[in-house]
Amino acid sequence: MAETTTTTSTGGPAPVGLPDFGGGASSGAPGAIGLLSDVTLQVRIELGRTKMLVEDVLRLNADSVVELDKAAGDPVDIFVNGRKIARGEVLVLNESFCVRVSEILEPIDG
């Protein structure tokens, strides 16, 4: 998969040009994209996985450490409605964790 990056003269990322979907707040008329404004999606970020015995799970407490199958700094997987759609990196912004999307995965035909 080839990656294309566009930057501005200041070195930052260039804005992405999107087609006019019609409608929206500026036109006052509901457009096709407006139909999606109240759609609920389940978004899950997976830091890693592990297998544990039930007895080990029952022994977990607030100070427990669970070893995952990924190293610190590895990309995290981003799932929407159970489908892996992207990878990203965990950041801290204003004392909160967030994820910056670094790669959008190609759709799998099936």
PDB file of N, CA and C in Angstrom:
ATOM      1  N   MET A   1       0.841  -1.163   0.000  1.00  0.00           N
ATOM      2  CA  MET A   1       0.000   0.000   0.000  1.00  0.00           C
ATOM      3  C   MET A   1       0.889   1.229   0.000  1.00  0.00           C
ATOM      4  N   ALA A   2       0.733   2.106  -0.961  1.00  0.00           N
ATOM      5  CA  ALA A   2       1.518   3.327  -1.044  1.00  0.00           C
ATOM      6  C   ALA A   2       0.849   4.411  -0.217  1.00  0.00           C
ATOM      7  N   GLU A   3       1.683   5.178   0.493  1.00  0.00           N
ATOM      8  CA  GLU A   3       1.150   6.263   1.305  1.00  0.00           C
ATOM      9  C   GLU A   3       1.490   7.579   0.643  1.00  0.00           C
ATOM     10  N   THR A   4       0.549   8.498   0.661  1.00  0.00           N
ATOM     11  CA  THR A   4       0.757   9.827   0.118  1.00  0.00           C
ATOM     12  C   THR A   4       0.537  10.826   1.231  1.00  0.00           C
ATOM     13  N   THR A   5       1.521  11.694   1.444  1.00  0.00           N
ATOM     14  CA  THR A   5       1.399  12.717   2.471  1.00  0.00           C
ATOM     15  C   THR A   5       1.510  14.074   1.817  1.00  0.00           C
ATOM     16  N   THR A   6       0.582  14.950   2.114  1.00  0.00           N
ATOM     17  CA  THR A   6       0.597  16.301   1.591  1.00  0.00           C
ATOM     18  C   THR A   6       0.880  17.243   2.744  1.00  0.00           C
ATOM     19  N   THR A   7       1.830  18.153   2.544  1.00  0.00           N
ATOM     20  CA  THR A   7       2.135  19.120   3.587  1.00  0.00           C
ATOM     21  C   THR A   7       2.010  20.526   3.028  1.00  0.00           C
ATOM     22  N   THR A   8       1.786  21.465   3.923  1.00  0.00           N
ATOM     23  CA  THR A   8       1.709  22.868   3.530  1.00  0.00           C
ATOM     24  C   THR A   8       3.104  23.475   3.585  1.00  0.00           C
ATOM     25  N   SER A   9       3.236  24.747   3.191  1.00  0.00           N
ATOM     26  CA  SER A   9       4.531  25.413   3.214  1.00  0.00           C
ATOM     27  C   SER A   9       5.063  25.562   4.631  1.00  0.00           C
ATOM     28  N   THR A  10       4.200  25.483   5.636  1.00  0.00           N
ATOM     29  CA  THR A  10       4.643  25.577   7.029  1.00  0.00           C
ATOM     30  C   THR A  10       5.075  24.223   7.569  1.00  0.00           C
ATOM     31  N   GLY A  11       4.942  23.172   6.770  1.00  0.00           N
ATOM     32  CA  GLY A  11       5.371  21.845   7.180  1.00  0.00           C
ATOM     33  C   GLY A  11       4.282  21.021   7.821  1.00  0.00           C
ATOM     34  N   GLY A  12       3.128  21.613   8.089  1.00  0.00           N
ATOM     35  CA  GLY A  12       2.023  20.881   8.704  1.00  0.00           C
ATOM     36  C   GLY A  12       1.204  20.165   7.658  1.00  0.00           C
ATOM     37  N   PRO A  13       0.308  19.307   8.087  1.00  0.00           N
ATOM     38  CA  PRO A  13      -0.533  18.595   7.125  1.00  0.00           C
ATOM     39  C   PRO A  13      -1.502  19.537   6.432  1.00  0.00           C
ATOM     40  N   ALA A  14      -1.742  19.286   5.161  1.00  0.00           N
ATOM     41  CA  ALA A  14      -2.683  20.105   4.391  1.00  0.00           C
ATOM     42  C   ALA A  14      -4.101  19.638   4.659  1.00  0.00           C
ATOM     43  N   PRO A  15      -5.077  20.555   4.626  1.00  0.00           N
ATOM     44  CA  PRO A  15      -6.464  20.130   4.818  1.00  0.00           C
ATOM     45  C   PRO A  15      -6.904  19.195   3.701  1.00  0.00           C
ATOM     46  N   VAL A  16      -7.769  18.265   4.058  1.00  0.00           N
ATOM     47  CA  VAL A  16      -8.274  17.306   3.085  1.00  0.00           C
ATOM     48  C   VAL A  16      -9.475  17.920   2.388  1.00  0.00           C
ATOM     49  N   GLY A  17      -9.492  17.889   1.067  1.00  0.00           N
ATOM     50  CA  GLY A  17     -10.631  18.403   0.313  1.00  0.00           C
ATOM     51  C   GLY A  17     -11.708  17.341   0.224  1.00  0.00           C
ATOM     52  N   LEU A  18     -12.904  17.653   0.698  1.00  0.00           N
ATOM     53  CA  LEU A  18     -14.007  16.709   0.645  1.00  0.00           C
ATOM     54  C   LEU A  18     -15.048  17.194  -0.350  1.00  0.00           C
ATOM     55  N   PRO A  19     -15.751  16.280  -0.988  1.00  0.00           N
ATOM     56  CA  PRO A  19     -16.801  16.690  -1.918  1.00  0.00           C
ATOM     57  C   PRO A  19     -17.956  17.336  -1.169  1.00  0.00           C
ATOM     58  N   ASP A  20     -18.764  18.128  -1.869  1.00  0.00           N
ATOM     59  CA  ASP A  20     -19.942  18.739  -1.278  1.00  0.00           C
ATOM     60  C   ASP A  20     -21.017  17.666  -1.187  1.00  0.00           C
ATOM     61  N   PHE A  21     -21.378  17.280   0.052  1.00  0.00           N
ATOM     62  CA  PHE A  21     -22.368  16.236   0.260  1.00  0.00           C
ATOM     63  C   PHE A  21     -23.788  16.778   0.200  1.00  0.00           C
ATOM     64  N   GLY A  22     -23.909  18.062   0.106  1.00  0.00           N
ATOM     65  CA  GLY A  22     -25.234  18.670   0.060  1.00  0.00           C
ATOM     66  C   GLY A  22     -25.829  18.788   1.440  1.00  0.00           C
ATOM     67  N   GLY A  23     -26.782  19.689   1.584  1.00  0.00           N
ATOM     68  CA  GLY A  23     -27.459  19.874   2.868  1.00  0.00           C
ATOM     69  C   GLY A  23     -26.526  20.460   3.896  1.00  0.00           C
ATOM     70  N   GLY A  24     -26.663  20.033   5.122  1.00  0.00           N
ATOM     71  CA  GLY A  24     -25.816  20.497   6.198  1.00  0.00           C
ATOM     72  C   GLY A  24     -26.381  21.735   6.841  1.00  0.00           C
ATOM     73  N   ALA A  25     -25.672  22.232   7.846  1.00  0.00           N
ATOM     74  CA  ALA A  25     -26.150  23.377   8.619  1.00  0.00           C
ATOM     75  C   ALA A  25     -26.175  24.660   7.793  1.00  0.00           C
ATOM     76  N   SER A  26     -25.229  24.816   6.859  1.00  0.00           N
ATOM     77  CA  SER A  26     -25.152  26.073   6.119  1.00  0.00           C
ATOM     78  C   SER A  26     -26.304  26.237   5.130  1.00  0.00           C
ATOM     79  N   SER A  27     -26.823  25.159   4.584  1.00  0.00           N
ATOM     80  CA  SER A  27     -27.880  25.286   3.588  1.00  0.00           C
ATOM     81  C   SER A  27     -29.270  25.302   4.215  1.00  0.00           C
ATOM     82  N   GLY A  28     -29.386  24.805   5.448  1.00  0.00           N
ATOM     83  CA  GLY A  28     -30.676  24.753   6.118  1.00  0.00           C
ATOM     84  C   GLY A  28     -31.535  23.589   5.675  1.00  0.00           C
ATOM     85  N   ALA A  29     -31.168  22.887   4.604  1.00  0.00           N
ATOM     86  CA  ALA A  29     -31.946  21.745   4.116  1.00  0.00           C
ATOM     87  C   ALA A  29     -31.215  20.462   4.480  1.00  0.00           C
ATOM     88  N   PRO A  30     -31.938  19.469   4.962  1.00  0.00           N
ATOM     89  CA  PRO A  30     -31.261  18.213   5.292  1.00  0.00           C
ATOM     90  C   PRO A  30     -30.774  17.528   4.018  1.00  0.00           C
ATOM     91  N   GLY A  31     -29.526  17.124   4.008  1.00  0.00           N
ATOM     92  CA  GLY A  31     -28.964  16.411   2.867  1.00  0.00           C
ATOM     93  C   GLY A  31     -28.722  14.970   3.228  1.00  0.00           C
ATOM     94  N   ALA A  32     -28.162  14.227   2.286  1.00  0.00           N
ATOM     95  CA  ALA A  32     -27.905  12.805   2.516  1.00  0.00           C
ATOM     96  C   ALA A  32     -26.981  12.601   3.703  1.00  0.00           C
ATOM     97  N   ILE A  33     -25.987  13.455   3.871  1.00  0.00           N
ATOM     98  CA  ILE A  33     -25.060  13.295   4.989  1.00  0.00           C
ATOM     99  C   ILE A  33     -25.754  13.589   6.310  1.00  0.00           C
ATOM    100  N   GLY A  34     -26.785  14.402   6.286  1.00  0.00           N
ATOM    101  CA  GLY A  34     -27.536  14.717   7.497  1.00  0.00           C
ATOM    102  C   GLY A  34     -28.243  13.505   8.074  1.00  0.00           C
ATOM    103  N   LEU A  35     -28.540  12.515   7.252  1.00  0.00           N
ATOM    104  CA  LEU A  35     -29.181  11.297   7.728  1.00  0.00           C
ATOM    105  C   LEU A  35     -28.282  10.526   8.690  1.00  0.00           C
ATOM    106  N   LEU A  36     -26.981  10.776   8.621  1.00  0.00           N
ATOM    107  CA  LEU A  36     -26.027  10.056   9.459  1.00  0.00           C
ATOM    108  C   LEU A  36     -25.730  10.770  10.773  1.00  0.00           C
ATOM    109  N   SER A  37     -26.331  11.924  11.006  1.00  0.00           N
ATOM    110  CA  SER A  37     -25.968  12.720  12.177  1.00  0.00           C
ATOM    111  C   SER A  37     -26.315  12.063  13.501  1.00  0.00           C
ATOM    112  N   ASP A  38     -27.255  11.159  13.543  1.00  0.00           N
ATOM    113  CA  ASP A  38     -27.612  10.508  14.807  1.00  0.00           C
ATOM    114  C   ASP A  38     -27.319   9.005  14.801  1.00  0.00           C
ATOM    115  N   VAL A  39     -26.427   8.556  13.920  1.00  0.00           N
ATOM    116  CA  VAL A  39     -26.055   7.140  13.865  1.00  0.00           C
ATOM    117  C   VAL A  39     -25.039   6.858  14.969  1.00  0.00           C
ATOM    118  N   THR A  40     -25.296   5.825  15.750  1.00  0.00           N
ATOM    119  CA  THR A  40     -24.401   5.441  16.832  1.00  0.00           C
ATOM    120  C   THR A  40     -23.454   4.359  16.345  1.00  0.00           C
ATOM    121  N   LEU A  41     -22.153   4.561  16.581  1.00  0.00           N
ATOM    122  CA  LEU A  41     -21.139   3.588  16.224  1.00  0.00           C
ATOM    123  C   LEU A  41     -20.381   3.186  17.473  1.00  0.00           C
ATOM    124  N   GLN A  42     -20.018   1.916  17.564  1.00  0.00           N
ATOM    125  CA  GLN A  42     -19.201   1.445  18.671  1.00  0.00           C
ATOM    126  C   GLN A  42     -17.744   1.529  18.234  1.00  0.00           C
ATOM    127  N   VAL A  43     -16.947   2.325  18.932  1.00  0.00           N
ATOM    128  CA  VAL A  43     -15.525   2.470  18.630  1.00  0.00           C
ATOM    129  C   VAL A  43     -14.741   1.833  19.766  1.00  0.00           C
ATOM    130  N   ARG A  44     -13.803   0.938  19.411  1.00  0.00           N
ATOM    131  CA  ARG A  44     -12.992   0.233  20.398  1.00  0.00           C
ATOM    132  C   ARG A  44     -11.525   0.371  20.016  1.00  0.00           C
ATOM    133  N   ILE A  45     -10.685   0.709  20.976  1.00  0.00           N
ATOM    134  CA  ILE A  45      -9.249   0.790  20.767  1.00  0.00           C
ATOM    135  C   ILE A  45      -8.625  -0.380  21.514  1.00  0.00           C
ATOM    136  N   GLU A  46      -7.884  -1.201  20.804  1.00  0.00           N
ATOM    137  CA  GLU A  46      -7.282  -2.388  21.411  1.00  0.00           C
ATOM    138  C   GLU A  46      -5.790  -2.170  21.599  1.00  0.00           C
ATOM    139  N   LEU A  47      -5.375  -2.108  22.867  1.00  0.00           N
ATOM    140  CA  LEU A  47      -3.964  -1.920  23.196  1.00  0.00           C
ATOM    141  C   LEU A  47      -3.168  -3.202  22.998  1.00  0.00           C
ATOM    142  N   GLY A  48      -3.793  -4.331  23.214  1.00  0.00           N
ATOM    143  CA  GLY A  48      -3.138  -5.624  23.097  1.00  0.00           C
ATOM    144  C   GLY A  48      -4.045  -6.694  23.663  1.00  0.00           C
ATOM    145  N   ARG A  49      -3.556  -7.926  23.652  1.00  0.00           N
ATOM    146  CA  ARG A  49      -4.341  -9.063  24.146  1.00  0.00           C
ATOM    147  C   ARG A  49      -3.480  -9.925  25.044  1.00  0.00           C
ATOM    148  N   THR A  50      -4.173 -10.720  25.858  1.00  0.00           N
ATOM    149  CA  THR A  50      -3.496 -11.714  26.681  1.00  0.00           C
ATOM    150  C   THR A  50      -4.475 -12.829  26.997  1.00  0.00           C
ATOM    151  N   LYS A  51      -3.964 -13.970  27.394  1.00  0.00           N
ATOM    152  CA  LYS A  51      -4.796 -15.083  27.855  1.00  0.00           C
ATOM    153  C   LYS A  51      -4.507 -15.278  29.334  1.00  0.00           C
ATOM    154  N   MET A  52      -5.590 -15.424  30.107  1.00  0.00           N
ATOM    155  CA  MET A  52      -5.445 -15.615  31.543  1.00  0.00           C
ATOM    156  C   MET A  52      -6.402 -16.693  32.010  1.00  0.00           C
ATOM    157  N   LEU A  53      -6.009 -17.412  33.031  1.00  0.00           N
ATOM    158  CA  LEU A  53      -6.896 -18.359  33.679  1.00  0.00           C
ATOM    159  C   LEU A  53      -7.922 -17.584  34.505  1.00  0.00           C
ATOM    160  N   VAL A  54      -9.093 -18.172  34.688  1.00  0.00           N
ATOM    161  CA  VAL A  54     -10.151 -17.524  35.464  1.00  0.00           C
ATOM    162  C   VAL A  54      -9.651 -17.220  36.874  1.00  0.00           C
ATOM    163  N   GLU A  55      -8.897 -18.127  37.459  1.00  0.00           N
ATOM    164  CA  GLU A  55      -8.404 -17.898  38.824  1.00  0.00           C
ATOM    165  C   GLU A  55      -7.472 -16.688  38.866  1.00  0.00           C
ATOM    166  N   ASP A  56      -6.689 -16.457  37.804  1.00  0.00           N
ATOM    167  CA  ASP A  56      -5.814 -15.273  37.748  1.00  0.00           C
ATOM    168  C   ASP A  56      -6.631 -14.000  37.593  1.00  0.00           C
ATOM    169  N   VAL A  57      -7.697 -14.050  36.815  1.00  0.00           N
ATOM    170  CA  VAL A  57      -8.575 -12.883  36.653  1.00  0.00           C
ATOM    171  C   VAL A  57      -9.214 -12.525  37.988  1.00  0.00           C
ATOM    172  N   LEU A  58      -9.631 -13.528  38.750  1.00  0.00           N
ATOM    173  CA  LEU A  58     -10.269 -13.281  40.042  1.00  0.00           C
ATOM    174  C   LEU A  58      -9.311 -12.674  41.063  1.00  0.00           C
ATOM    175  N   ARG A  59      -8.004 -12.861  40.855  1.00  0.00           N
ATOM    176  CA  ARG A  59      -7.010 -12.299  41.767  1.00  0.00           C
ATOM    177  C   ARG A  59      -6.597 -10.874  41.401  1.00  0.00           C
ATOM    178  N   LEU A  60      -7.080 -10.341  40.277  1.00  0.00           N
ATOM    179  CA  LEU A  60      -6.701  -8.980  39.874  1.00  0.00           C
ATOM    180  C   LEU A  60      -7.208  -7.967  40.894  1.00  0.00           C
ATOM    181  N   ASN A  61      -6.390  -6.944  41.153  1.00  0.00           N
ATOM    182  CA  ASN A  61      -6.811  -5.847  42.014  1.00  0.00           C
ATOM    183  C   ASN A  61      -6.302  -4.542  41.411  1.00  0.00           C
ATOM    184  N   ALA A  62      -6.450  -3.458  42.131  1.00  0.00           N
ATOM    185  CA  ALA A  62      -6.103  -2.132  41.597  1.00  0.00           C
ATOM    186  C   ALA A  62      -4.626  -1.998  41.248  1.00  0.00           C
ATOM    187  N   ASP A  63      -3.747  -2.754  41.883  1.00  0.00           N
ATOM    188  CA  ASP A  63      -2.309  -2.640  41.613  1.00  0.00           C
ATOM    189  C   ASP A  63      -1.777  -3.736  40.692  1.00  0.00           C
ATOM    190  N   SER A  64      -2.651  -4.535  40.136  1.00  0.00           N
ATOM    191  CA  SER A  64      -2.226  -5.641  39.274  1.00  0.00           C
ATOM    192  C   SER A  64      -1.683  -5.114  37.949  1.00  0.00           C
ATOM    193  N   VAL A  65      -0.719  -5.853  37.394  1.00  0.00           N
ATOM    194  CA  VAL A  65      -0.159  -5.554  36.081  1.00  0.00           C
ATOM    195  C   VAL A  65      -0.475  -6.737  35.179  1.00  0.00           C
ATOM    196  N   VAL A  66      -1.055  -6.443  34.012  1.00  0.00           N
ATOM    197  CA  VAL A  66      -1.395  -7.481  33.041  1.00  0.00           C
ATOM    198  C   VAL A  66      -0.498  -7.298  31.831  1.00  0.00           C
ATOM    199  N   GLU A  67       0.293  -8.318  31.507  1.00  0.00           N
ATOM    200  CA  GLU A  67       1.201  -8.252  30.366  1.00  0.00           C
ATOM    201  C   GLU A  67       0.423  -8.518  29.084  1.00  0.00           C
ATOM    202  N   LEU A  68       0.609  -7.638  28.089  1.00  0.00           N
ATOM    203  CA  LEU A  68      -0.072  -7.763  26.802  1.00  0.00           C
ATOM    204  C   LEU A  68       0.893  -8.283  25.749  1.00  0.00           C
ATOM    205  N   ASP A  69       0.348  -8.668  24.592  1.00  0.00           N
ATOM    206  CA  ASP A  69       1.168  -9.224  23.515  1.00  0.00           C
ATOM    207  C   ASP A  69       1.823  -8.164  22.636  1.00  0.00           C
ATOM    208  N   LYS A  70       1.719  -6.892  23.004  1.00  0.00           N
ATOM    209  CA  LYS A  70       2.354  -5.819  22.242  1.00  0.00           C
ATOM    210  C   LYS A  70       3.311  -5.059  23.138  1.00  0.00           C
ATOM    211  N   ALA A  71       4.351  -4.509  22.529  1.00  0.00           N
ATOM    212  CA  ALA A  71       5.324  -3.712  23.270  1.00  0.00           C
ATOM    213  C   ALA A  71       4.863  -2.262  23.356  1.00  0.00           C
ATOM    214  N   ALA A  72       5.380  -1.539  24.335  1.00  0.00           N
ATOM    215  CA  ALA A  72       5.085  -0.107  24.456  1.00  0.00           C
ATOM    216  C   ALA A  72       5.542   0.580  23.176  1.00  0.00           C
ATOM    217  N   GLY A  73       4.718   1.449  22.639  1.00  0.00           N
ATOM    218  CA  GLY A  73       5.061   2.163  21.412  1.00  0.00           C
ATOM    219  C   GLY A  73       4.525   1.508  20.153  1.00  0.00           C
ATOM    220  N   ASP A  74       4.088   0.245  20.247  1.00  0.00           N
ATOM    221  CA  ASP A  74       3.492  -0.419  19.081  1.00  0.00           C
ATOM    222  C   ASP A  74       2.162   0.261  18.744  1.00  0.00           C
ATOM    223  N   PRO A  75       1.775   0.256  17.472  1.00  0.00           N
ATOM    224  CA  PRO A  75       0.478   0.850  17.114  1.00  0.00           C
ATOM    225  C   PRO A  75      -0.676   0.090  17.760  1.00  0.00           C
ATOM    226  N   VAL A  76      -1.731   0.822  18.097  1.00  0.00           N
ATOM    227  CA  VAL A  76      -2.947   0.208  18.633  1.00  0.00           C
ATOM    228  C   VAL A  76      -3.921  -0.002  17.485  1.00  0.00           C
ATOM    229  N   ASP A  77      -4.816  -0.965  17.639  1.00  0.00           N
ATOM    230  CA  ASP A  77      -5.809  -1.257  16.610  1.00  0.00           C
ATOM    231  C   ASP A  77      -7.100  -0.507  16.929  1.00  0.00           C
ATOM    232  N   ILE A  78      -7.718   0.058  15.893  1.00  0.00           N
ATOM    233  CA  ILE A  78      -8.957   0.820  16.036  1.00  0.00           C
ATOM    234  C   ILE A  78     -10.064   0.049  15.326  1.00  0.00           C
ATOM    235  N   PHE A  79     -11.119  -0.277  16.070  1.00  0.00           N
ATOM    236  CA  PHE A  79     -12.247  -1.035  15.551  1.00  0.00           C
ATOM    237  C   PHE A  79     -13.490  -0.156  15.568  1.00  0.00           C
ATOM    238  N   VAL A  80     -14.312  -0.232  14.519  1.00  0.00           N
ATOM    239  CA  VAL A  80     -15.614   0.428  14.489  1.00  0.00           C
ATOM    240  C   VAL A  80     -16.641  -0.659  14.199  1.00  0.00           C
ATOM    241  N   ASN A  81     -17.603  -0.784  15.105  1.00  0.00           N
ATOM    242  CA  ASN A  81     -18.620  -1.839  15.025  1.00  0.00           C
ATOM    243  C   ASN A  81     -17.999  -3.220  14.815  1.00  0.00           C
ATOM    244  N   GLY A  82     -16.901  -3.491  15.530  1.00  0.00           N
ATOM    245  CA  GLY A  82     -16.264  -4.798  15.489  1.00  0.00           C
ATOM    246  C   GLY A  82     -15.333  -5.033  14.317  1.00  0.00           C
ATOM    247  N   ARG A  83     -15.216  -4.088  13.405  1.00  0.00           N
ATOM    248  CA  ARG A  83     -14.358  -4.247  12.221  1.00  0.00           C
ATOM    249  C   ARG A  83     -13.110  -3.388  12.382  1.00  0.00           C
ATOM    250  N   LYS A  84     -11.942  -4.014  12.214  1.00  0.00           N
ATOM    251  CA  LYS A  84     -10.676  -3.277  12.314  1.00  0.00           C
ATOM    252  C   LYS A  84     -10.548  -2.353  11.108  1.00  0.00           C
ATOM    253  N   ILE A  85     -10.492  -1.051  11.367  1.00  0.00           N
ATOM    254  CA  ILE A  85     -10.460  -0.094  10.258  1.00  0.00           C
ATOM    255  C   ILE A  85      -9.184   0.738  10.196  1.00  0.00           C
ATOM    256  N   ALA A  86      -8.429   0.789  11.307  1.00  0.00           N
ATOM    257  CA  ALA A  86      -7.264   1.672  11.319  1.00  0.00           C
ATOM    258  C   ALA A  86      -6.288   1.257  12.410  1.00  0.00           C
ATOM    259  N   ARG A  87      -5.115   1.899  12.379  1.00  0.00           N
ATOM    260  CA  ARG A  87      -4.114   1.776  13.440  1.00  0.00           C
ATOM    261  C   ARG A  87      -3.754   3.184  13.882  1.00  0.00           C
ATOM    262  N   GLY A  88      -3.325   3.288  15.117  1.00  0.00           N
ATOM    263  CA  GLY A  88      -2.968   4.605  15.620  1.00  0.00           C
ATOM    264  C   GLY A  88      -1.968   4.520  16.748  1.00  0.00           C
ATOM    265  N   GLU A  89      -1.623   5.694  17.280  1.00  0.00           N
ATOM    266  CA  GLU A  89      -0.680   5.754  18.389  1.00  0.00           C
ATOM    267  C   GLU A  89      -1.333   6.461  19.564  1.00  0.00           C
ATOM    268  N   VAL A  90      -1.028   5.969  20.762  1.00  0.00           N
ATOM    269  CA  VAL A  90      -1.597   6.535  21.987  1.00  0.00           C
ATOM    270  C   VAL A  90      -0.800   7.778  22.361  1.00  0.00           C
ATOM    271  N   LEU A  91      -1.514   8.853  22.668  1.00  0.00           N
ATOM    272  CA  LEU A  91      -0.912  10.118  23.091  1.00  0.00           C
ATOM    273  C   LEU A  91      -1.573  10.581  24.377  1.00  0.00           C
ATOM    274  N   VAL A  92      -0.938  11.522  25.057  1.00  0.00           N
ATOM    275  CA  VAL A  92      -1.543  12.177  26.208  1.00  0.00           C
ATOM    276  C   VAL A  92      -1.731  13.633  25.831  1.00  0.00           C
ATOM    277  N   LEU A  93      -2.975  14.109  25.940  1.00  0.00           N
ATOM    278  CA  LEU A  93      -3.313  15.480  25.593  1.00  0.00           C
ATOM    279  C   LEU A  93      -4.152  16.065  26.723  1.00  0.00           C
ATOM    280  N   ASN A  94      -3.671  17.139  27.327  1.00  0.00           N
ATOM    281  CA  ASN A  94      -4.378  17.771  28.451  1.00  0.00           C
ATOM    282  C   ASN A  94      -4.715  16.758  29.542  1.00  0.00           C
ATOM    283  N   GLU A  95      -3.754  15.932  29.902  1.00  0.00           N
ATOM    284  CA  GLU A  95      -3.883  14.924  30.956  1.00  0.00           C
ATOM    285  C   GLU A  95      -4.900  13.824  30.638  1.00  0.00           C
ATOM    286  N   SER A  96      -5.290  13.677  29.378  1.00  0.00           N
ATOM    287  CA  SER A  96      -6.195  12.610  28.951  1.00  0.00           C
ATOM    288  C   SER A  96      -5.511  11.786  27.867  1.00  0.00           C
ATOM    289  N   PHE A  97      -5.831  10.499  27.843  1.00  0.00           N
ATOM    290  CA  PHE A  97      -5.327   9.649  26.772  1.00  0.00           C
ATOM    291  C   PHE A  97      -6.144   9.898  25.515  1.00  0.00           C
ATOM    292  N   CYS A  98      -5.483   9.848  24.368  1.00  0.00           N
ATOM    293  CA  CYS A  98      -6.165   9.950  23.082  1.00  0.00           C
ATOM    294  C   CYS A  98      -5.395   9.087  22.085  1.00  0.00           C
ATOM    295  N   VAL A  99      -5.983   8.881  20.925  1.00  0.00           N
ATOM    296  CA  VAL A  99      -5.350   8.074  19.883  1.00  0.00           C
ATOM    297  C   VAL A  99      -5.306   8.889  18.601  1.00  0.00           C
ATOM    298  N   ARG A 100      -4.118   8.992  18.026  1.00  0.00           N
ATOM    299  CA  ARG A 100      -3.957   9.656  16.724  1.00  0.00           C
ATOM    300  C   ARG A 100      -3.947   8.565  15.665  1.00  0.00           C
ATOM    301  N   VAL A 101      -4.846   8.670  14.692  1.00  0.00           N
ATOM    302  CA  VAL A 101      -4.932   7.687  13.616  1.00  0.00           C
ATOM    303  C   VAL A 101      -3.721   7.880  12.711  1.00  0.00           C
ATOM    304  N   SER A 102      -2.954   6.810  12.524  1.00  0.00           N
ATOM    305  CA  SER A 102      -1.757   6.895  11.686  1.00  0.00           C
ATOM    306  C   SER A 102      -1.905   6.130  10.378  1.00  0.00           C
ATOM    307  N   GLU A 103      -2.858   5.195  10.317  1.00  0.00           N
ATOM    308  CA  GLU A 103      -3.032   4.399   9.101  1.00  0.00           C
ATOM    309  C   GLU A 103      -4.479   3.940   8.994  1.00  0.00           C
ATOM    310  N   ILE A 104      -5.100   4.198   7.857  1.00  0.00           N
ATOM    311  CA  ILE A 104      -6.431   3.679   7.544  1.00  0.00           C
ATOM    312  C   ILE A 104      -6.216   2.392   6.754  1.00  0.00           C
ATOM    313  N   LEU A 105      -6.824   1.309   7.177  1.00  0.00           N
ATOM    314  CA  LEU A 105      -6.634   0.028   6.511  1.00  0.00           C
ATOM    315  C   LEU A 105      -7.513  -0.084   5.272  1.00  0.00           C
ATOM    316  N   GLU A 106      -7.019  -0.809   4.302  1.00  0.00           N
ATOM    317  CA  GLU A 106      -7.788  -1.060   3.085  1.00  0.00           C
ATOM    318  C   GLU A 106      -8.959  -1.967   3.408  1.00  0.00           C
ATOM    319  N   PRO A 107     -10.139  -1.703   2.814  1.00  0.00           N
ATOM    320  CA  PRO A 107     -11.280  -2.588   3.090  1.00  0.00           C
ATOM    321  C   PRO A 107     -11.022  -3.988   2.536  1.00  0.00           C
ATOM    322  N   ILE A 108     -11.532  -4.977   3.257  1.00  0.00           N
ATOM    323  CA  ILE A 108     -11.409  -6.371   2.830  1.00  0.00           C
ATOM    324  C   ILE A 108     -12.690  -6.749   2.124  1.00  0.00           C
ATOM    325  N   ASP A 109     -12.597  -7.118   0.850  1.00  0.00           N
ATOM    326  CA  ASP A 109     -13.793  -7.521   0.106  1.00  0.00           C
ATOM    327  C   ASP A 109     -14.201  -8.908   0.550  1.00  0.00           C
ATOM    328  N   GLY A 110     -15.477  -9.091   0.743  1.00  0.00           N
ATOM    329  CA  GLY A 110     -15.890 -10.418   1.168  1.00  0.00           C
ATOM    330  C   GLY A 110     -17.307 -10.551   1.339  1.00  0.00           C
TER     331      GLY A 110
END
